[in-house]
Amino acid sequence: MESIQKKSNGKPREECGIVAIISKNPSTHVAQAIFQGLMAVQHRGQEAAGISVFDANKSINTIREHGLLFEALPLEKLSKLWGNVGIGHVRYGTAGGKDINNAQPFPFETPQTPPFAIAFNGNITNYHLLKEQLKSKGIIFLTNGDTEVIANLIAANTLVTKDWVENLEFTSKLLDGAFSLVLLTNEGDVYAYRSGNKPLCYGTANILNTECYIIASESCAIISLGGKLIGDIQAGEILHVHQDHFFHREKLLPAEKNHCVFEYVYFSRGDSIIDGKSVHKTRERLGRNLAKADEEFLNSREDIIVVPVPDSGRSSALGYAAESGIRYEEGLMKNRYVFRSFIAPSQAERMNLVRMKLNPVESIVKGKEIVLIDDSIVRGTTMGRIVKLLRQAGALKIHVRSSCPPVRSPCFYGVDFPSREELIYCRKELTAKNHEEACIQIANEIGADSVKYLSIEGLIDAVELQKKDLCLACYNGKYWFKSDRTKEFLTNGRI
């Protein structure tokens, strides 16, 4: 699967962000509001962006293009999208290539089926199997991604189901994996479905003096529009929004929650609320639990400071400092105008880009012993470069702390983790006698004086959700699949 082959800057990457807006007023055009909502979830995908709207002629019009939102959806394009119902998407692809046809929303229409468009966040683990079955029935595919597979299933199911709700119910039973999606129909309705792992929430806002309903991957998109969060779409829930009435729960299907714990650790914006939990407060608790586990170490230290890796390590570092009583300092400054260092081809260029992105504050770190807090250590490459920068700025000792457990397994559910061979902890535990020795080897490789990870128990305690409701596969290798055939394919690469 492509999601475990792609290269990155050492950080895991999410794949998509979704926003849907439905205005009660037919004369309200929602495209620019969708754009604003997508800006709030731009962190979830920077490869491509798109918007589909339902217009007064009962047509669905779509624009989508490569790049960040300002590149993909300039004002001259947005101004041509007229309609009071629409869905939007920002993409980081984990299944399918960079072809623009893989960008979303994905519009679909055939002579036999009504037109619709979908925006999708997640990964369908059995999409290769489903694609082969559809091909055997004469379906021709234009892309190599899983979104087109979902669209073809929905289209085929329109011929054998009575309405869109039954269609989504039937389609969801065929899909293995983790996903949330929104469906825009040719009647101007929006349907949303969440399998459980990927976040999806809903709320309202007054936009252009009219009440609008909003569905989004994260609550920060709703709040950025001046709106109010109502709640999260539940695992297995089909939500229907018609422009003439409020949210309507059509059906609650049996579904495992399996909430992606990495949403709390890293992916989601700190001001978001995911399944009733503040992301920022959760990350603070991660830091507190990390400090509690580090108590013996900290008792033997004097003149030590806590420094976060911005921005993702900041909340955990605040929690660590509060729990330990150690002074918190912003010892690294981030340049937010440098993008995409993961595409740099050489080691020297990547190091230069790290220097462009992060600068040590010498007056803070020189001559100091530092506890350096980050959300995770995946490949270790970026952390090694940061440690080197701090050494060059005069830091005496650097103790790296991860606010989540070691990443030990690739993700099949839409997170762009590398293969086991590229995960630094996996490489070290092959030769280490135990966890402590693996941490010593990692510290040696990245140039740190020590390395420590939060335990799985500390992670679960901080998230404050039951273990049975969390997906911890990247930490413990315990995957969940609907079918043994999906497991066989992912494990052995055989259809």
Protein backbone atom coordinates (compact mmCIF):
# COMPACT_ATOMS: atom_id res chain seq x y z
CA MET A 1 0.00 0.00 0.00
CA GLU A 2 1.26 3.45 -0.84
CA SER A 3 0.66 4.75 2.65
CA ILE A 4 3.59 2.73 3.99
CA GLN A 5 5.92 3.54 1.11
CA LYS A 6 5.82 7.32 0.97
CA LYS A 7 8.65 9.43 2.36
CA SER A 8 8.18 12.27 4.78
CA ASN A 9 10.20 14.55 7.04
CA GLY A 10 10.06 12.02 9.86
CA LYS A 11 6.61 13.12 11.03
CA PRO A 12 3.50 11.08 10.36
CA ARG A 13 1.00 12.74 8.06
CA GLU A 14 -2.76 12.76 8.04
CA GLU A 15 -4.60 12.39 4.76
CA CYS A 16 -7.68 14.63 4.56
CA GLY A 17 -9.92 17.30 5.98
CA ILE A 18 -13.64 17.66 5.26
CA VAL A 19 -16.06 20.61 5.47
CA ALA A 20 -19.73 20.67 4.38
CA ILE A 21 -22.04 23.70 4.66
CA ILE A 22 -25.77 23.83 4.05
CA SER A 23 -27.51 27.23 4.04
CA LYS A 24 -31.22 27.65 4.69
CA ASN A 25 -31.31 30.58 2.27
CA PRO A 26 -31.20 29.46 -1.41
CA SER A 27 -29.64 32.80 -2.40
CA THR A 28 -26.63 32.32 -0.11
CA HIS A 29 -23.44 31.13 -1.81
CA VAL A 30 -21.41 28.92 0.51
CA ALA A 31 -18.18 28.35 -1.47
CA GLN A 32 -16.19 31.07 0.28
CA ALA A 33 -17.42 29.92 3.70
CA ILE A 34 -16.34 26.37 2.85
CA PHE A 35 -12.94 27.79 1.85
CA GLN A 36 -12.67 29.49 5.25
CA GLY A 37 -13.59 26.27 7.03
CA LEU A 38 -11.02 24.35 5.01
CA MET A 39 -8.37 26.87 6.03
CA ALA A 40 -8.90 25.72 9.62
CA VAL A 41 -8.16 22.11 8.67
CA GLN A 42 -5.37 22.83 6.15
CA HIS A 43 -2.99 20.98 8.50
CA ARG A 44 -4.75 17.73 7.58
CA GLY A 45 -3.74 17.93 3.92
CA GLN A 46 -1.63 20.17 1.71
CA GLU A 47 -1.43 18.27 -1.59
CA ALA A 48 -4.72 19.34 -3.16
CA ALA A 49 -8.03 21.00 -2.39
CA GLY A 50 -11.50 21.19 -3.89
CA ILE A 51 -15.11 22.27 -3.44
CA SER A 52 -18.39 20.96 -4.90
CA VAL A 53 -21.61 22.99 -4.74
CA PHE A 54 -25.25 22.32 -5.60
CA ASP A 55 -26.66 25.23 -7.58
CA ALA A 56 -30.10 26.61 -8.46
CA ASN A 57 -30.14 24.52 -11.64
CA LYS A 58 -29.86 21.39 -9.49
CA SER A 59 -26.40 20.69 -10.85
CA ILE A 60 -23.26 19.79 -8.90
CA ASN A 61 -20.25 21.87 -9.90
CA THR A 62 -16.75 20.96 -8.74
CA ILE A 63 -13.37 22.65 -8.80
CA ARG A 64 -10.23 20.96 -7.49
CA GLU A 65 -6.55 21.52 -7.97
CA HIS A 66 -3.12 20.72 -6.57
CA GLY A 67 -1.56 22.77 -3.79
CA LEU A 68 -2.53 24.67 -0.69
CA LEU A 69 -5.95 26.29 -0.56
CA PHE A 70 -4.81 29.69 -1.84
CA GLU A 71 -3.08 27.96 -4.76
CA ALA A 72 -5.84 25.46 -5.56
CA LEU A 73 -8.91 27.64 -5.02
CA PRO A 74 -8.15 31.28 -5.90
CA LEU A 75 -10.88 33.89 -5.57
CA GLU A 76 -11.60 34.02 -9.30
CA LYS A 77 -12.51 30.32 -9.20
CA LEU A 78 -14.48 30.54 -5.95
CA SER A 79 -16.56 33.44 -7.27
CA LYS A 80 -17.89 31.19 -10.04
CA LEU A 81 -19.19 28.54 -7.62
CA TRP A 82 -22.76 29.57 -6.92
CA GLY A 83 -24.93 27.49 -4.63
CA ASN A 84 -26.22 27.25 -1.06
CA VAL A 85 -25.11 23.64 -0.40
CA GLY A 86 -21.59 22.36 -0.78
CA ILE A 87 -18.77 20.14 0.43
CA GLY A 88 -15.01 20.76 0.50
CA HIS A 89 -11.82 18.80 0.97
CA VAL A 90 -8.09 19.19 1.58
CA ARG A 91 -5.96 16.19 0.65
CA TYR A 92 -2.86 14.39 1.71
CA GLY A 93 -3.01 11.16 -0.24
CA THR A 94 -2.21 7.81 1.35
CA ALA A 95 -3.93 5.74 -1.33
CA GLY A 96 -3.61 6.74 -4.98
CA GLY A 97 -1.06 8.93 -6.68
CA LYS A 98 -0.81 12.68 -7.12
CA ASP A 99 -2.97 12.74 -10.28
CA ILE A 100 -5.56 15.51 -10.01
CA ASN A 101 -8.31 12.92 -10.57
CA ASN A 102 -7.47 11.61 -7.09
CA ALA A 103 -8.24 15.04 -5.59
CA GLN A 104 -11.58 15.58 -3.90
CA PRO A 105 -14.48 16.18 -3.72
CA PHE A 106 -14.94 13.34 -6.15
CA PRO A 107 -17.85 14.01 -8.55
CA PHE A 108 -19.56 11.00 -10.07
CA GLU A 109 -22.23 10.57 -12.74
CA THR A 110 -23.23 7.88 -15.21
CA PRO A 111 -26.24 7.56 -17.55
CA GLN A 112 -27.68 4.93 -15.21
CA THR A 113 -27.16 6.71 -11.85
CA PRO A 114 -27.95 10.14 -10.38
CA PRO A 115 -25.01 12.55 -10.02
CA PHE A 116 -23.36 13.00 -6.62
CA ALA A 117 -20.05 14.05 -5.07
CA ILE A 118 -18.20 12.67 -2.07
CA ALA A 119 -15.44 13.96 0.22
CA PHE A 120 -13.66 11.30 2.18
CA ASN A 121 -11.14 11.07 5.03
CA GLY A 122 -9.54 7.74 5.83
CA ASN A 123 -8.26 4.57 4.24
CA ILE A 124 -10.21 1.61 2.89
CA THR A 125 -8.06 -1.40 3.67
CA ASN A 126 -9.90 -3.72 1.27
CA TYR A 127 -10.20 -1.31 -1.66
CA HIS A 128 -7.87 -3.40 -3.84
CA LEU A 129 -10.15 -6.39 -3.32
CA LEU A 130 -13.29 -4.37 -4.03
CA LYS A 131 -11.69 -2.84 -7.10
CA GLU A 132 -10.91 -6.27 -8.56
CA GLN A 133 -14.52 -7.34 -8.00
CA LEU A 134 -15.84 -4.20 -9.69
CA LYS A 135 -13.44 -4.63 -12.60
CA SER A 136 -14.72 -8.16 -13.11
CA LYS A 137 -18.18 -6.62 -13.62
CA GLY A 138 -16.91 -4.32 -16.34
CA ILE A 139 -16.24 -1.17 -14.31
CA ILE A 140 -13.41 0.95 -15.74
CA PHE A 141 -11.34 3.01 -13.31
CA LEU A 142 -9.67 6.34 -14.06
CA THR A 143 -7.68 6.58 -10.81
CA ASN A 144 -5.69 4.27 -8.55
CA GLY A 145 -7.18 5.49 -5.28
CA ASP A 146 -9.83 4.21 -2.91
CA THR A 147 -12.21 7.18 -3.35
CA GLU A 148 -13.24 6.10 -6.83
CA VAL A 149 -13.93 2.61 -5.48
CA ILE A 150 -16.30 4.08 -2.88
CA ALA A 151 -17.99 6.23 -5.54
CA ASN A 152 -18.53 3.21 -7.81
CA LEU A 153 -20.00 1.21 -4.94
CA ILE A 154 -22.40 4.03 -4.07
CA ALA A 155 -23.38 4.39 -7.74
CA ALA A 156 -23.99 0.65 -8.13
CA ASN A 157 -26.02 0.59 -4.92
CA THR A 158 -28.38 3.31 -6.18
CA LEU A 159 -29.79 0.63 -8.48
CA VAL A 160 -30.66 -1.78 -5.66
CA THR A 161 -31.48 0.48 -2.68
CA LYS A 162 -34.54 2.63 -2.03
CA ASP A 163 -32.76 5.82 -0.83
CA TRP A 164 -29.40 7.33 0.08
CA VAL A 165 -29.61 6.15 3.69
CA GLU A 166 -30.04 2.53 2.70
CA ASN A 167 -27.32 3.05 0.11
CA LEU A 168 -24.82 4.29 2.69
CA GLU A 169 -25.77 1.50 5.07
CA PHE A 170 -25.17 -1.11 2.37
CA THR A 171 -21.96 0.55 1.19
CA SER A 172 -20.52 0.84 4.71
CA LYS A 173 -20.93 -2.91 5.22
CA LEU A 174 -18.71 -3.55 2.18
CA LEU A 175 -15.94 -1.18 3.28
CA ASP A 176 -13.20 -2.34 5.62
CA GLY A 177 -10.99 0.28 7.21
CA ALA A 178 -11.35 3.66 8.89
CA PHE A 179 -13.18 6.58 7.33
CA SER A 180 -15.54 9.51 7.54
CA LEU A 181 -17.32 10.86 4.48
CA VAL A 182 -19.86 13.41 3.30
CA LEU A 183 -22.11 12.84 0.30
CA LEU A 184 -23.66 15.69 -1.74
CA THR A 185 -26.68 14.55 -3.76
CA ASN A 186 -28.37 15.98 -6.85
CA GLU A 187 -31.32 16.95 -4.63
CA GLY A 188 -29.19 19.36 -2.59
CA ASP A 189 -28.98 17.11 0.47
CA VAL A 190 -25.86 16.23 2.42
CA TYR A 191 -25.37 12.89 4.15
CA ALA A 192 -22.50 12.17 6.53
CA TYR A 193 -21.19 8.84 7.78
CA ARG A 194 -18.45 8.03 10.29
CA SER A 195 -17.07 4.52 10.69
CA GLY A 196 -15.57 5.44 14.06
CA ASN A 197 -11.83 5.92 13.69
CA LYS A 198 -11.68 9.27 11.89
CA PRO A 199 -13.23 12.37 13.51
CA LEU A 200 -16.35 14.10 12.20
CA CYS A 201 -18.44 16.70 14.01
CA TYR A 202 -21.31 19.08 13.32
CA GLY A 203 -22.58 22.49 14.35
CA THR A 204 -24.27 25.69 13.20
CA ALA A 205 -23.21 29.20 12.27
CA ASN A 206 -24.76 32.44 11.08
CA ILE A 207 -23.11 33.11 7.72
CA LEU A 208 -24.15 36.09 5.57
CA ASN A 209 -27.13 36.67 7.87
CA THR A 210 -28.56 33.20 7.44
CA GLU A 211 -28.39 30.04 9.52
CA CYS A 212 -26.08 27.39 8.15
CA TYR A 213 -25.41 23.82 9.16
CA ILE A 214 -21.80 22.63 9.17
CA ILE A 215 -20.14 19.23 9.15
CA ALA A 216 -16.36 19.12 9.54
CA SER A 217 -13.43 16.91 10.40
CA GLU A 218 -12.61 19.13 13.37
CA SER A 219 -14.53 21.58 15.51
CA CYS A 220 -11.95 24.31 14.80
CA ALA A 221 -13.49 24.63 11.31
CA ILE A 222 -16.91 25.36 12.83
CA ILE A 223 -15.52 27.82 15.37
CA SER A 224 -13.47 29.62 12.69
CA LEU A 225 -16.78 30.42 10.97
CA GLY A 226 -18.14 31.95 14.16
CA GLY A 227 -20.24 28.86 14.74
CA LYS A 228 -21.21 26.63 17.62
CA LEU A 229 -20.24 22.99 17.98
CA ILE A 230 -23.22 20.72 18.63
CA GLY A 231 -21.39 17.41 18.89
CA ASP A 232 -19.62 14.53 17.18
CA ILE A 233 -21.15 12.18 14.67
CA GLN A 234 -21.12 8.81 16.39
CA ALA A 235 -19.44 5.64 15.15
CA GLY A 236 -21.82 4.06 12.63
CA GLU A 237 -24.08 7.11 12.46
CA ILE A 238 -25.66 8.34 9.23
CA LEU A 239 -26.55 12.02 9.54
CA HIS A 240 -28.79 13.76 6.99
CA VAL A 241 -28.96 17.50 6.44
CA HIS A 242 -31.57 19.02 4.13
CA GLN A 243 -31.54 22.77 3.54
CA ASP A 244 -35.10 22.99 4.90
CA HIS A 245 -34.55 21.27 8.26
CA PHE A 246 -32.02 20.60 10.99
CA PHE A 247 -29.62 17.68 11.38
CA HIS A 248 -31.47 14.40 11.36
CA ARG A 249 -29.97 11.15 12.58
CA GLU A 250 -31.17 8.68 9.99
CA LYS A 251 -29.58 5.55 11.37
CA LEU A 252 -27.04 4.30 13.90
CA LEU A 253 -25.36 1.21 12.53
CA PRO A 254 -23.39 -1.27 14.63
CA ALA A 255 -19.76 -0.11 14.57
CA GLU A 256 -16.57 -0.36 16.56
CA LYS A 257 -15.36 3.05 17.74
CA ASN A 258 -11.62 2.47 17.42
CA HIS A 259 -10.89 6.20 17.74
CA CYS A 260 -7.49 7.10 16.28
CA VAL A 261 -5.42 8.05 19.32
CA PHE A 262 -2.95 9.95 17.12
CA GLU A 263 -5.63 12.60 16.59
CA TYR A 264 -5.06 13.57 20.24
CA VAL A 265 -1.29 13.13 20.12
CA TYR A 266 -0.53 15.05 16.94
CA PHE A 267 -2.96 15.43 14.04
CA SER A 268 -5.83 17.55 15.33
CA ARG A 269 -5.45 21.25 16.00
CA GLY A 270 -5.02 22.07 19.66
CA ASP A 271 -8.21 24.15 19.82
CA SER A 272 -10.37 21.31 18.51
CA ILE A 273 -12.75 19.18 20.53
CA ILE A 274 -12.69 15.51 19.44
CA ASP A 275 -15.33 13.19 20.88
CA GLY A 276 -15.95 15.59 23.73
CA LYS A 277 -12.27 15.91 24.65
CA SER A 278 -10.19 19.08 24.37
CA VAL A 279 -7.14 18.25 22.27
CA HIS A 280 -5.01 20.85 24.06
CA LYS A 281 -6.00 19.65 27.53
CA THR A 282 -5.40 16.03 26.50
CA ARG A 283 -1.90 16.92 25.33
CA GLU A 284 -1.26 18.72 28.59
CA ARG A 285 -2.20 15.52 30.44
CA LEU A 286 0.16 13.57 28.17
CA GLY A 287 2.95 15.87 29.34
CA ARG A 288 1.93 15.57 32.97
CA ASN A 289 1.96 11.78 32.78
CA LEU A 290 5.36 11.90 31.09
CA ALA A 291 6.70 14.06 33.94
CA LYS A 292 5.28 11.65 36.55
CA ALA A 293 7.12 8.77 34.89
CA ASP A 294 10.28 10.94 34.85
CA GLU A 295 10.12 11.90 38.53
CA GLU A 296 13.19 9.94 39.65
CA PHE A 297 15.28 11.39 36.82
CA LEU A 298 14.13 14.95 37.52
CA ASN A 299 14.88 14.76 41.24
CA SER A 300 18.59 14.41 40.44
CA ARG A 301 18.72 17.48 38.18
CA GLU A 302 19.32 21.18 38.83
CA ASP A 303 19.20 24.17 36.50
CA ILE A 304 17.23 22.25 33.87
CA ILE A 305 14.60 23.70 31.53
CA VAL A 306 11.69 22.30 29.49
CA VAL A 307 11.74 23.19 25.78
CA PRO A 308 9.02 22.18 23.30
CA VAL A 309 9.49 21.29 19.65
CA PRO A 310 7.07 23.81 18.10
CA ASP A 311 4.27 23.61 17.48
CA SER A 312 3.22 20.03 18.14
CA GLY A 313 5.17 19.58 21.36
CA ARG A 314 4.03 22.78 23.05
CA SER A 315 0.93 21.58 24.91
CA SER A 316 2.68 18.48 26.25
CA ALA A 317 5.68 20.57 27.32
CA LEU A 318 3.38 22.91 29.24
CA GLY A 319 1.91 19.91 31.04
CA TYR A 320 5.35 18.47 31.74
CA ALA A 321 6.58 21.77 33.17
CA ALA A 322 3.46 22.26 35.30
CA GLU A 323 3.68 18.76 36.78
CA SER A 324 7.42 18.81 37.41
CA GLY A 325 7.80 22.43 38.48
CA ILE A 326 10.63 22.88 35.96
CA ARG A 327 10.84 26.18 34.12
CA TYR A 328 9.25 26.22 30.66
CA GLU A 329 11.16 28.06 27.94
CA GLU A 330 10.58 28.62 24.22
CA GLY A 331 14.07 27.58 23.22
CA LEU A 332 13.18 26.96 19.56
CA MET A 333 11.54 29.45 17.22
CA LYS A 334 9.60 28.26 14.17
CA ASN A 335 9.39 29.96 10.78
CA ARG A 336 5.82 29.28 9.61
CA TYR A 337 6.51 30.37 6.05
CA VAL A 338 8.66 27.38 5.15
CA PHE A 339 6.69 24.44 3.74
CA ARG A 340 7.32 20.89 2.67
CA SER A 341 10.88 20.17 3.78
CA PHE A 342 10.13 16.46 3.39
CA ILE A 343 10.51 16.75 -0.40
CA ALA A 344 14.13 17.93 -0.26
CA PRO A 345 16.23 15.36 -2.12
CA SER A 346 19.50 15.39 -0.18
CA GLN A 347 20.56 15.20 3.46
CA ALA A 348 22.34 18.57 3.22
CA GLU A 349 19.26 20.27 1.75
CA ARG A 350 16.99 18.72 4.38
CA MET A 351 19.28 19.98 7.13
CA ASN A 352 19.24 23.47 5.61
CA LEU A 353 15.43 23.38 5.53
CA VAL A 354 15.33 22.34 9.19
CA ARG A 355 17.53 25.37 9.92
CA MET A 356 15.09 27.53 7.96
CA LYS A 357 12.14 26.15 9.90
CA LEU A 358 13.63 26.04 13.40
CA ASN A 359 16.15 28.31 15.08
CA PRO A 360 17.48 27.79 18.61
CA VAL A 361 17.31 30.77 20.95
CA GLU A 362 20.92 30.79 22.08
CA SER A 363 20.30 33.10 25.04
CA ILE A 364 17.90 30.48 26.43
CA VAL A 365 19.62 27.17 25.63
CA LYS A 366 23.32 28.02 25.94
CA GLY A 367 24.87 26.36 28.96
CA LYS A 368 21.58 24.67 29.90
CA GLU A 369 20.45 21.11 30.43
CA ILE A 370 17.26 20.66 28.40
CA VAL A 371 14.25 18.36 28.49
CA LEU A 372 13.13 18.50 24.85
CA ILE A 373 9.47 17.55 24.43
CA ASP A 374 7.95 16.40 21.14
CA ASP A 375 4.73 14.57 20.31
CA SER A 376 6.46 11.52 18.80
CA ILE A 377 9.70 10.05 17.48
CA VAL A 378 9.02 8.18 14.24
CA ARG A 379 12.10 7.87 12.03
CA GLY A 380 14.27 9.97 14.31
CA THR A 381 15.75 11.96 11.42
CA THR A 382 14.13 15.29 12.25
CA MET A 383 14.78 14.90 15.96
CA GLY A 384 18.45 14.20 15.25
CA ARG A 385 18.71 17.46 13.32
CA ILE A 386 16.99 19.43 16.09
CA VAL A 387 19.34 17.98 18.72
CA LYS A 388 22.30 18.96 16.54
CA LEU A 389 21.03 22.54 16.25
CA LEU A 390 20.66 22.80 20.02
CA ARG A 391 24.17 21.43 20.54
CA GLN A 392 25.55 24.03 18.14
CA ALA A 393 23.69 26.72 20.12
CA GLY A 394 25.51 25.66 23.29
CA ALA A 395 23.09 23.31 25.09
CA LEU A 396 25.02 21.22 27.61
CA LYS A 397 22.71 18.20 27.77
CA ILE A 398 19.59 17.27 25.83
CA HIS A 399 17.06 14.76 27.14
CA VAL A 400 14.47 13.91 24.48
CA ARG A 401 10.98 13.00 25.67
CA SER A 402 8.11 11.70 23.51
CA SER A 403 4.55 12.35 24.68
CA CYS A 404 3.41 9.08 23.10
CA PRO A 405 4.69 5.49 23.17
CA PRO A 406 7.15 4.15 20.57
CA VAL A 407 5.63 3.80 17.11
CA ARG A 408 6.20 0.11 16.37
CA SER A 409 3.90 -0.72 13.47
CA PRO A 410 2.77 0.84 10.18
CA CYS A 411 -0.79 2.14 9.96
CA PHE A 412 -3.31 0.67 7.51
CA TYR A 413 -6.01 3.19 8.40
CA GLY A 414 -4.85 6.36 6.69
CA VAL A 415 -1.85 7.58 8.71
CA ASP A 416 1.31 7.87 6.67
CA PHE A 417 3.66 5.97 8.96
CA PRO A 418 6.67 4.40 7.25
CA SER A 419 7.48 0.69 7.10
CA ARG A 420 8.82 -1.10 10.17
CA GLU A 421 12.32 -0.99 8.70
CA GLU A 422 12.21 2.82 8.75
CA LEU A 423 10.76 3.20 12.27
CA ILE A 424 13.68 3.99 14.55
CA TYR A 425 12.31 2.08 17.54
CA CYS A 426 11.69 -1.05 15.48
CA ARG A 427 15.23 -1.00 14.16
CA LYS A 428 16.70 -0.69 17.64
CA GLU A 429 14.54 -3.27 19.36
CA LEU A 430 15.79 -5.89 16.91
CA THR A 431 19.20 -5.82 18.60
CA ALA A 432 18.36 -4.41 22.05
CA LYS A 433 17.81 -6.70 25.03
CA ASN A 434 14.94 -4.61 26.37
CA HIS A 435 13.08 -1.30 26.04
CA GLU A 436 15.64 0.61 28.11
CA GLU A 437 18.51 -0.52 25.90
CA ALA A 438 16.54 0.39 22.76
CA CYS A 439 16.10 3.91 24.16
CA ILE A 440 19.84 4.17 24.82
CA GLN A 441 20.56 3.15 21.23
CA ILE A 442 18.06 5.72 19.92
CA ALA A 443 19.67 8.43 22.08
CA ASN A 444 23.06 7.53 20.61
CA GLU A 445 21.75 7.71 17.05
CA ILE A 446 20.04 11.10 17.40
CA GLY A 447 22.82 12.57 19.56
CA ALA A 448 20.75 13.00 22.73
CA ASP A 449 21.86 12.31 26.31
CA SER A 450 18.74 10.27 26.98
CA VAL A 451 15.42 9.30 25.39
CA LYS A 452 12.18 8.35 27.10
CA TYR A 453 8.69 7.58 25.82
CA LEU A 454 5.30 7.81 27.48
CA SER A 455 3.80 4.39 28.22
CA ILE A 456 0.63 3.10 26.57
CA GLU A 457 -1.02 3.20 29.99
CA GLY A 458 -0.03 6.86 30.40
CA LEU A 459 -1.41 7.62 26.96
CA ILE A 460 -4.79 5.98 27.64
CA ASP A 461 -5.05 7.73 31.01
CA ALA A 462 -4.46 11.13 29.37
CA VAL A 463 -6.97 10.61 26.56
CA GLU A 464 -9.63 9.61 29.11
CA LEU A 465 -11.37 7.17 26.79
CA GLN A 466 -11.70 3.47 27.39
CA LYS A 467 -8.95 1.30 25.91
CA LYS A 468 -11.53 -0.76 23.99
CA ASP A 469 -12.67 2.40 22.18
CA LEU A 470 -9.17 3.37 20.95
CA CYS A 471 -7.09 2.25 18.01
CA LEU A 472 -3.58 1.60 19.34
CA ALA A 473 -2.35 -0.46 16.39
CA CYS A 474 0.67 1.75 15.67
CA TYR A 475 1.87 1.13 19.24
CA ASN A 476 0.93 -2.50 19.86
CA GLY A 477 0.47 -3.96 16.36
CA LYS A 478 -3.07 -5.13 17.13
CA TYR A 479 -5.01 -4.41 13.94
CA TRP A 480 -8.75 -4.74 13.45
CA PHE A 481 -10.23 -5.93 10.16
CA LYS A 482 -13.74 -6.95 9.22
CA SER A 483 -12.53 -9.89 7.15
CA ASP A 484 -9.65 -12.35 7.18
CA ARG A 485 -9.24 -11.72 3.45
CA THR A 486 -8.36 -8.07 4.09
CA LYS A 487 -5.85 -9.15 6.73
CA GLU A 488 -4.29 -11.67 4.36
CA PHE A 489 -3.94 -9.06 1.62
CA LEU A 490 -2.37 -6.42 3.86
CA THR A 491 -0.06 -8.89 5.57
CA ASN A 492 1.10 -10.84 2.51
CA GLY A 493 0.17 -8.57 -0.41
CA ARG A 494 -2.02 -11.21 -2.03
CA ILE A 495 -5.52 -10.62 -3.36
